[in-house]
């Protein structure tokens, strides 16, 4: 890692950090006319959902990892130009099987799809986006006190395994009708008395005269991998995970700068531990210091109020593009 410091126009010292992974260093995989032909490194295949919110979130994550590629509505695969990665666009239900069979090396898929496929062992790590829940719902006018009320009922769902396991654990026997889409319509056409489907905001349930009564399973996007990757592909995977983790860590944190009386420094430092400890710089005005640190976004507003209470002023909050621990 090489680091350089320069004095910016604002007077702050900023750092420019260039990172090169250990081991492999990848030139562009594309051979341009008139250029020297470079040997190609092994390429890793990543399967993602071909459309929808999970697809968009997955592509945004890959781009934020500094990986360049072109997309097209009619192409079902694309190749990165600056990283040994090929992206496959597949139906979400097919992704676990493709990774299990080694057709794809990696996948980004919802935990609900992975567990329903019976392949939870493929999961490497959660990715923190595309969060949703699998819930039971009944018609708004229907009475409901507990899951025991579903005993003997007909329930429509696209997730019979997850729902079946949930009901079995609670001693409920119901008739599960597996349908692949438009689950919410089942009660209104007489197919079922209840449904179990993916819920994000709940607006679709309300629009179809249903109300949510039980949360069966909570899901988010996860990274999955074939269990027998070659050593070369595993090294590429490690570098991809390194980048993803840096992006996700940055999303969860904010960079904070503030001025504080020197007398209040211990109190400020106690509120702002940072990664190791805050950066403290004396100001031109005697008795004052500038403090720089990192704050978890979930704690930010609470900590800001405490900082003001101990005398902090001029609090600036900045987004972090990447955060490498």
Protein backbone atom coordinates (compact mmCIF):
# COMPACT_ATOMS: atom_id res chain seq x y z
CA UNK A 1 0.00 0.00 0.00
CA UNK A 2 1.37 3.41 -0.92
CA UNK A 3 0.17 6.57 0.81
CA UNK A 4 0.77 10.23 -0.03
CA UNK A 5 -0.38 13.34 1.81
CA UNK A 6 -1.14 16.68 0.23
CA UNK A 7 -2.48 20.00 1.50
CA UNK A 8 -5.90 20.63 0.01
CA UNK A 9 -7.36 24.04 -0.85
CA UNK A 10 -9.30 24.05 2.38
CA UNK A 11 -6.15 23.73 4.45
CA UNK A 12 -6.99 20.19 5.51
CA UNK A 13 -4.42 17.45 4.91
CA UNK A 14 -5.92 14.71 2.77
CA UNK A 15 -4.51 11.29 2.05
CA UNK A 16 -4.37 9.57 -1.29
CA UNK A 17 -4.08 5.84 -0.77
CA UNK A 18 -3.45 3.35 -3.54
CA UNK A 19 -4.07 -0.30 -2.77
CA UNK A 20 -2.80 -3.27 -4.71
CA UNK A 21 -3.84 -6.73 -3.53
CA UNK A 22 -1.13 -9.12 -2.52
CA UNK A 23 -0.46 -11.98 -4.89
CA UNK A 24 -2.42 -11.32 -8.05
CA UNK A 25 -2.46 -7.98 -9.90
CA UNK A 26 -4.92 -7.94 -12.77
CA UNK A 27 -4.53 -5.99 -16.00
CA UNK A 28 -7.50 -5.53 -18.24
CA UNK A 29 -8.79 -8.85 -19.54
CA UNK A 30 -9.58 -7.32 -22.92
CA UNK A 31 -7.04 -7.55 -25.74
CA UNK A 32 -7.19 -4.29 -27.67
CA UNK A 33 -5.98 -4.06 -31.30
CA UNK A 34 -2.36 -2.98 -31.49
CA UNK A 35 -1.69 -3.70 -27.81
CA UNK A 36 0.66 -6.25 -26.30
CA UNK A 37 -1.24 -9.46 -25.63
CA UNK A 38 -1.13 -10.18 -21.88
CA UNK A 39 -1.71 -13.66 -20.46
CA UNK A 40 -5.20 -14.04 -19.05
CA UNK A 41 -5.69 -14.88 -15.39
CA UNK A 42 -8.39 -17.31 -14.24
CA UNK A 43 -11.82 -15.69 -14.32
CA UNK A 44 -14.48 -16.14 -11.66
CA UNK A 45 -18.19 -16.31 -12.54
CA UNK A 46 -20.72 -14.44 -10.42
CA UNK A 47 -24.45 -15.14 -10.88
CA UNK A 48 -26.94 -12.43 -9.97
CA UNK A 49 -30.68 -11.96 -10.43
CA UNK A 50 -31.34 -10.74 -13.96
CA UNK A 51 -33.80 -7.98 -12.99
CA UNK A 52 -35.44 -6.29 -10.03
CA UNK A 53 -34.28 -4.55 -6.87
CA UNK A 54 -31.83 -7.29 -5.87
CA UNK A 55 -30.20 -7.09 -9.31
CA UNK A 56 -29.83 -3.31 -9.11
CA UNK A 57 -28.41 -3.46 -5.58
CA UNK A 58 -25.96 -6.21 -6.59
CA UNK A 59 -24.69 -4.27 -9.61
CA UNK A 60 -24.30 -1.11 -7.51
CA UNK A 61 -22.17 -3.02 -5.01
CA UNK A 62 -19.94 -4.41 -7.78
CA UNK A 63 -19.48 -0.92 -9.28
CA UNK A 64 -18.63 0.54 -5.86
CA UNK A 65 -15.92 -2.12 -5.62
CA UNK A 66 -14.20 -0.35 -8.54
CA UNK A 67 -15.11 -3.06 -11.06
CA UNK A 68 -16.04 -1.79 -14.54
CA UNK A 69 -18.43 -3.61 -16.87
CA UNK A 70 -21.13 -2.89 -19.43
CA UNK A 71 -24.75 -3.91 -19.07
CA UNK A 72 -27.44 -4.50 -21.67
CA UNK A 73 -31.08 -5.46 -21.38
CA UNK A 74 -30.66 -8.30 -23.89
CA UNK A 75 -27.33 -9.78 -22.74
CA UNK A 76 -27.37 -12.52 -20.12
CA UNK A 77 -23.68 -12.24 -19.27
CA UNK A 78 -20.98 -9.59 -19.24
CA UNK A 79 -17.27 -9.48 -18.53
CA UNK A 80 -15.49 -6.93 -16.32
CA UNK A 81 -12.73 -4.94 -18.01
CA UNK A 82 -10.49 -4.42 -14.97
CA UNK A 83 -11.06 -7.49 -12.78
CA UNK A 84 -11.22 -11.22 -13.64
CA UNK A 85 -15.00 -11.41 -13.23
CA UNK A 86 -17.80 -12.60 -15.48
CA UNK A 87 -21.36 -11.74 -14.44
CA UNK A 88 -24.25 -14.07 -15.31
CA UNK A 89 -27.85 -12.79 -15.21
CA UNK A 90 -30.14 -15.63 -14.07
CA UNK A 91 -33.51 -16.30 -12.48
CA UNK A 92 -33.05 -15.99 -8.72
CA UNK A 93 -34.42 -19.50 -8.08
CA UNK A 94 -31.75 -20.96 -10.37
CA UNK A 95 -28.73 -19.28 -8.76
CA UNK A 96 -28.18 -21.68 -5.80
CA UNK A 97 -28.26 -24.70 -8.11
CA UNK A 98 -25.84 -23.14 -10.60
CA UNK A 99 -23.39 -22.39 -7.79
CA UNK A 100 -23.84 -25.84 -6.21
CA UNK A 101 -23.07 -27.49 -9.56
CA UNK A 102 -20.07 -25.24 -10.26
CA UNK A 103 -21.56 -23.64 -13.37
CA UNK A 104 -21.18 -20.35 -11.50
CA UNK A 105 -18.44 -19.90 -8.90
CA UNK A 106 -20.28 -17.26 -6.87
CA UNK A 107 -23.77 -15.88 -6.51
CA UNK A 108 -25.66 -13.04 -4.89
CA UNK A 109 -29.11 -14.21 -3.86
CA UNK A 110 -31.71 -13.70 -1.15
CA UNK A 111 -31.36 -15.91 1.93
CA UNK A 112 -34.98 -16.95 1.43
CA UNK A 113 -34.15 -18.45 -1.98
CA UNK A 114 -31.03 -20.17 -0.64
CA UNK A 115 -32.80 -21.77 2.32
CA UNK A 116 -35.80 -22.77 0.20
CA UNK A 117 -33.37 -24.55 -2.15
CA UNK A 118 -31.96 -26.46 0.82
CA UNK A 119 -28.43 -25.12 0.26
CA UNK A 120 -27.67 -22.80 3.22
CA UNK A 121 -24.11 -24.22 3.45
CA UNK A 122 -23.16 -22.22 0.32
CA UNK A 123 -23.50 -18.89 2.19
CA UNK A 124 -20.28 -16.94 2.75
CA UNK A 125 -21.55 -13.68 4.25
CA UNK A 126 -24.61 -11.41 4.40
CA UNK A 127 -24.40 -8.26 2.27
CA UNK A 128 -26.72 -5.95 4.17
CA UNK A 129 -29.11 -4.95 1.36
CA UNK A 130 -32.39 -6.08 -0.24
CA UNK A 131 -33.81 -6.87 3.19
CA UNK A 132 -37.31 -8.31 3.37
CA UNK A 133 -39.37 -10.82 5.32
CA UNK A 134 -41.44 -13.88 4.52
CA UNK A 135 -44.79 -13.43 6.25
CA UNK A 136 -48.14 -15.09 6.73
CA UNK A 137 -51.17 -13.00 5.82
CA UNK A 138 -54.93 -13.49 6.03
CA UNK A 139 -57.93 -11.52 4.70
CA UNK A 140 -58.50 -8.33 6.69
CA UNK A 141 -61.92 -9.49 7.86
CA UNK A 142 -60.67 -12.89 9.05
CA UNK A 143 -60.21 -13.50 12.75
CA UNK A 144 -56.70 -14.39 13.89
CA UNK A 145 -55.21 -14.89 17.35
CA UNK A 146 -52.18 -17.14 16.81
CA UNK A 147 -50.50 -19.46 14.33
CA UNK A 148 -52.63 -22.28 15.75
CA UNK A 149 -55.59 -20.71 13.92
CA UNK A 150 -54.03 -21.97 10.67
CA UNK A 151 -54.56 -25.60 11.66
CA UNK A 152 -56.09 -27.47 8.68
CA UNK A 153 -56.22 -24.35 6.48
CA UNK A 154 -55.19 -24.03 2.84
CA UNK A 155 -52.16 -21.73 2.53
CA UNK A 156 -50.74 -20.51 -0.79
CA UNK A 157 -47.01 -19.87 -0.97
CA UNK A 158 -43.91 -19.91 -3.16
CA UNK A 159 -41.84 -21.14 -0.21
CA UNK A 160 -43.27 -24.51 0.89
CA UNK A 161 -40.05 -25.70 2.56
CA UNK A 162 -39.53 -22.66 4.78
CA UNK A 163 -43.22 -22.42 5.63
CA UNK A 164 -43.53 -26.18 6.18
CA UNK A 165 -40.61 -26.17 8.62
CA UNK A 166 -42.04 -23.14 10.44
CA UNK A 167 -45.47 -24.73 10.88
CA UNK A 168 -44.04 -28.14 11.86
CA UNK A 169 -41.96 -26.55 14.63
CA UNK A 170 -45.21 -25.14 16.05
CA UNK A 171 -47.26 -28.30 15.64
CA UNK A 172 -49.49 -26.88 12.92
CA UNK A 173 -50.68 -29.06 10.05
CA UNK A 174 -51.93 -27.15 7.02
CA UNK A 175 -52.44 -27.80 3.31
CA UNK A 176 -49.74 -25.93 1.39
CA UNK A 177 -50.47 -24.93 -2.21
CA UNK A 178 -47.26 -24.07 -4.07
CA UNK A 179 -47.65 -21.35 -6.69
CA UNK A 180 -44.88 -19.43 -8.42
CA UNK A 181 -46.33 -15.91 -8.49
CA UNK A 182 -49.26 -13.62 -7.68
CA UNK A 183 -49.66 -15.36 -4.33
CA UNK A 184 -51.70 -12.46 -2.90
CA UNK A 185 -54.65 -13.23 -5.17
CA UNK A 186 -55.17 -16.77 -3.79
CA UNK A 187 -57.70 -15.94 -1.02
CA UNK A 188 -59.87 -13.78 -3.28
CA UNK A 189 -60.25 -16.56 -5.87
CA UNK A 190 -60.96 -19.28 -3.30
CA UNK A 191 -57.64 -21.12 -3.65
CA UNK A 192 -56.55 -20.57 -0.02
CA UNK A 193 -57.61 -19.02 3.27
CA UNK A 194 -54.13 -17.57 3.92
CA UNK A 195 -50.88 -16.88 2.11
CA UNK A 196 -47.18 -16.81 2.91
CA UNK A 197 -45.10 -14.50 0.73
CA UNK A 198 -42.25 -12.00 0.63
CA UNK A 199 -43.09 -8.61 2.17
CA UNK A 200 -41.07 -5.40 1.95
CA UNK A 201 -43.41 -2.51 2.72
CA UNK A 202 -46.72 -4.39 3.00
CA UNK A 203 -48.45 -2.23 0.38
CA UNK A 204 -49.16 -5.20 -1.92
CA UNK A 205 -50.89 -7.05 0.90
CA UNK A 206 -53.04 -4.04 1.71
CA UNK A 207 -53.92 -3.57 -1.94
CA UNK A 208 -55.25 -7.13 -2.05
CA UNK A 209 -57.29 -6.94 1.14
CA UNK A 210 -54.81 -8.86 3.30
CA UNK A 211 -53.10 -8.20 6.63
CA UNK A 212 -49.80 -9.52 7.87
CA UNK A 213 -50.10 -11.74 10.96
CA UNK A 214 -46.81 -13.63 11.39
CA UNK A 215 -43.18 -13.18 10.31
CA UNK A 216 -41.89 -16.57 9.20
CA UNK A 217 -38.37 -15.70 7.99
CA UNK A 218 -36.18 -12.59 7.69
CA UNK A 219 -34.01 -12.34 4.61
CA UNK A 220 -31.33 -10.21 2.98
CA UNK A 221 -28.90 -10.60 0.09
CA UNK A 222 -26.01 -12.99 0.72
CA UNK A 223 -22.84 -13.92 -1.13
CA UNK A 224 -22.61 -17.63 -1.88
CA UNK A 225 -19.78 -19.72 -3.34
CA UNK A 226 -19.11 -23.13 -4.85
CA UNK A 227 -17.50 -25.26 -2.16
CA UNK A 228 -14.61 -26.59 -4.26
CA UNK A 229 -13.07 -23.52 -5.88
CA UNK A 230 -9.53 -23.81 -7.21
CA UNK A 231 -6.75 -22.02 -5.32
CA UNK A 232 -6.57 -19.35 -8.07
CA UNK A 233 -10.30 -18.68 -7.95
CA UNK A 234 -10.27 -18.63 -4.16
CA UNK A 235 -7.64 -15.90 -4.25
CA UNK A 236 -9.81 -13.85 -6.61
CA UNK A 237 -12.78 -14.43 -4.28
CA UNK A 238 -10.76 -13.16 -1.31
CA UNK A 239 -9.92 -9.95 -3.17
CA UNK A 240 -13.56 -9.48 -4.19
CA UNK A 241 -14.68 -10.00 -0.58
CA UNK A 242 -12.03 -7.54 0.59
CA UNK A 243 -13.50 -4.87 -1.69
CA UNK A 244 -17.10 -5.67 -0.79
CA UNK A 245 -16.35 -5.48 2.92
CA UNK A 246 -14.59 -2.12 2.49
CA UNK A 247 -17.65 -0.73 0.67
CA UNK A 248 -20.12 -2.10 3.21
CA UNK A 249 -18.04 -0.84 6.14
CA UNK A 250 -18.00 2.64 4.59
CA UNK A 251 -21.78 2.60 4.14
CA UNK A 252 -22.26 1.92 7.86
CA UNK A 253 -19.99 4.73 9.06
CA UNK A 254 -19.53 8.49 8.75
CA UNK A 255 -16.40 10.63 9.03
CA UNK A 256 -16.83 13.38 11.62
CA UNK A 257 -14.76 16.54 12.19
CA UNK A 258 -15.31 18.99 15.01
CA UNK A 259 -13.71 21.68 17.16
CA UNK A 260 -13.66 21.33 20.93
CA UNK A 261 -12.16 23.07 23.97
CA UNK A 262 -8.97 21.37 25.11
CA UNK A 263 -10.51 21.05 28.56
CA UNK A 264 -13.32 18.91 27.08
CA UNK A 265 -11.00 16.66 25.04
CA UNK A 266 -11.21 13.64 27.35
CA UNK A 267 -15.02 13.77 27.26
CA UNK A 268 -15.02 14.07 23.45
CA UNK A 269 -12.56 11.17 23.07
CA UNK A 270 -14.74 8.99 25.27
CA UNK A 271 -17.64 9.57 22.85
CA UNK A 272 -15.53 9.13 19.71
CA UNK A 273 -13.28 6.09 20.02
CA UNK A 274 -12.79 5.88 16.23
CA UNK A 275 -11.06 2.88 14.68
CA UNK A 276 -8.18 3.05 17.18
CA UNK A 277 -8.47 6.56 18.64
CA UNK A 278 -9.52 9.98 17.32
CA UNK A 279 -7.08 12.24 15.46
CA UNK A 280 -6.48 15.38 17.54
CA UNK A 281 -4.85 18.54 16.11
CA UNK A 282 -4.26 21.83 17.99
CA UNK A 283 -6.00 24.87 16.47
CA UNK A 284 -4.43 28.33 16.01
CA UNK A 285 -6.66 29.60 18.80
CA UNK A 286 -5.15 28.55 22.11
CA UNK A 287 -7.26 26.22 24.20
CA UNK A 288 -9.00 24.58 21.22
CA UNK A 289 -8.39 21.40 19.20
CA UNK A 290 -9.75 19.82 16.03
CA UNK A 291 -10.95 16.22 16.42
CA UNK A 292 -11.48 13.76 13.55
CA UNK A 293 -13.00 10.32 13.92
CA UNK A 294 -15.39 7.72 12.52
CA UNK A 295 -18.92 7.19 13.84
CA UNK A 296 -21.36 4.38 13.15
CA UNK A 297 -24.36 5.82 11.30
CA UNK A 298 -26.81 4.14 13.69
CA UNK A 299 -25.22 5.98 16.64
CA UNK A 300 -24.55 9.30 14.92
CA UNK A 301 -27.49 11.44 16.06
CA UNK A 302 -27.27 10.24 19.64
CA UNK A 303 -23.52 10.91 19.81
CA UNK A 304 -23.85 14.32 18.13
CA UNK A 305 -26.17 15.52 20.88
CA UNK A 306 -23.71 14.35 23.52
CA UNK A 307 -20.80 16.07 21.73
CA UNK A 308 -22.64 19.38 21.71
CA UNK A 309 -23.42 18.95 25.39
CA UNK A 310 -19.70 18.74 26.27
CA UNK A 311 -18.81 21.81 24.20
CA UNK A 312 -18.08 20.58 20.66
CA UNK A 313 -18.66 23.11 17.85
CA UNK A 314 -18.52 23.25 14.06
CA UNK A 315 -19.39 19.59 13.64
CA UNK A 316 -18.93 18.38 10.05
CA UNK A 317 -20.11 14.96 8.84
CA UNK A 318 -18.80 13.43 5.62
CA UNK A 319 -19.57 10.19 3.76
CA UNK A 320 -16.81 7.58 3.49
CA UNK A 321 -16.22 6.06 0.07
CA UNK A 322 -14.23 3.01 1.22
CA UNK A 323 -13.16 1.91 4.68
CA UNK A 324 -10.29 -0.57 4.99
CA UNK A 325 -9.63 -1.99 8.43
